[in-house]
């Protein structure tokens, strides 16, 4: 249960950072940023786990949490970029 809460917090922070790196008007504001960040964190965490960094289960071990957070931010940036591409295309048609 605590792991899920950590991923939500991590995802929200990753979403905020991704939004700072890729600023723009996406609509949805705070809620959309949080959702895209959480999805990105899950994707980034999954990729980080696959390359050997292991899952994040607590913030006690910064050596394990920092790479996972970086992967989460990268995942959130990718998800935000995909979201923007998808909504841009739907607005043009």
Protein backbone atom coordinates (compact mmCIF):
# COMPACT_ATOMS: atom_id res chain seq x y z
CA UNK A 1 0.00 0.00 0.00
CA UNK A 2 2.78 2.43 0.89
CA UNK A 3 4.42 1.70 -2.47
CA UNK A 4 1.29 2.92 -4.30
CA UNK A 5 1.28 6.16 -2.31
CA UNK A 6 4.97 6.66 -3.07
CA UNK A 7 4.33 6.15 -6.80
CA UNK A 8 1.49 8.69 -6.71
CA UNK A 9 3.67 11.29 -4.99
CA UNK A 10 6.62 10.47 -7.23
CA UNK A 11 4.37 10.63 -10.29
CA UNK A 12 2.93 13.98 -9.30
CA UNK A 13 6.42 15.43 -8.80
CA UNK A 14 7.59 13.91 -12.09
CA UNK A 15 4.55 15.42 -13.82
CA UNK A 16 5.31 18.86 -12.42
CA UNK A 17 8.92 18.61 -13.55
CA UNK A 18 7.88 17.39 -17.00
CA UNK A 19 5.49 20.33 -17.26
CA UNK A 20 8.33 22.72 -16.36
CA UNK A 21 10.58 21.13 -18.98
CA UNK A 22 7.83 21.12 -21.64
CA UNK A 23 5.74 24.19 -20.81
CA UNK A 24 2.56 24.85 -22.71
CA UNK A 25 -1.19 24.94 -22.51
CA UNK A 26 -2.51 21.40 -22.27
CA UNK A 27 -5.89 22.02 -20.70
CA UNK A 28 -6.85 20.05 -17.64
CA UNK A 29 -4.36 21.91 -15.46
CA UNK A 30 -3.38 20.38 -12.14
CA UNK A 31 -5.41 17.17 -12.56
CA UNK A 32 -4.05 16.40 -16.03
CA UNK A 33 -0.48 17.12 -14.92
CA UNK A 34 -0.89 14.74 -11.98
CA UNK A 35 -2.43 11.97 -14.10
CA UNK A 36 0.16 12.24 -16.88
CA UNK A 37 2.92 12.35 -14.28
CA UNK A 38 1.65 9.24 -12.52
CA UNK A 39 1.34 7.35 -15.81
CA UNK A 40 4.82 8.55 -16.78
CA UNK A 41 6.21 7.51 -13.41
CA UNK A 42 4.78 4.03 -13.81
CA UNK A 43 6.19 3.75 -17.34
CA UNK A 44 9.55 5.20 -16.31
CA UNK A 45 9.67 3.05 -13.18
CA UNK A 46 8.93 -0.03 -15.24
CA UNK A 47 11.75 0.83 -17.64
CA UNK A 48 14.10 1.58 -14.75
CA UNK A 49 13.22 -1.75 -13.18
CA UNK A 50 13.92 -3.52 -16.48
CA UNK A 51 17.40 -2.00 -16.74
CA UNK A 52 18.25 -3.03 -13.20
CA UNK A 53 17.51 -0.14 -10.84
CA UNK A 54 14.76 -1.99 -8.99
CA UNK A 55 11.38 -0.72 -7.87
CA UNK A 56 10.92 2.22 -5.51
CA UNK A 57 9.38 1.11 -2.24
CA UNK A 58 10.58 3.90 0.04
CA UNK A 59 12.42 7.19 -0.01
CA UNK A 60 14.87 5.95 2.64
CA UNK A 61 17.42 4.70 0.12
CA UNK A 62 18.25 7.77 -2.00
CA UNK A 63 20.64 5.72 -4.13
CA UNK A 64 17.72 3.63 -5.34
CA UNK A 65 15.13 6.41 -5.40
CA UNK A 66 17.08 9.00 -7.42
CA UNK A 67 17.52 6.90 -10.58
CA UNK A 68 13.87 5.82 -10.33
CA UNK A 69 12.81 9.46 -10.03
CA UNK A 70 14.90 10.35 -13.08
CA UNK A 71 13.28 7.52 -15.05
CA UNK A 72 9.88 8.73 -13.82
CA UNK A 73 10.54 12.26 -15.07
CA UNK A 74 11.69 10.91 -18.43
CA UNK A 75 8.56 8.74 -18.60
CA UNK A 76 6.37 11.73 -17.74
CA UNK A 77 8.02 13.83 -20.46
CA UNK A 78 7.41 11.07 -23.00
CA UNK A 79 3.77 10.64 -21.93
CA UNK A 80 3.22 14.43 -22.03
CA UNK A 81 4.73 14.63 -25.52
CA UNK A 82 2.55 11.74 -26.73
CA UNK A 83 -0.52 13.39 -25.18
CA UNK A 84 0.26 16.67 -26.95
CA UNK A 85 0.74 14.92 -30.30
CA UNK A 86 -2.53 13.04 -29.90
CA UNK A 87 -4.57 16.10 -28.88
CA UNK A 88 -2.96 18.28 -31.56
CA UNK A 89 -3.99 15.84 -34.28
CA UNK A 90 -7.52 15.55 -32.96
CA UNK A 91 -7.87 19.34 -32.91
CA UNK A 92 -6.79 19.63 -36.55
CA UNK A 93 -9.29 17.10 -37.88
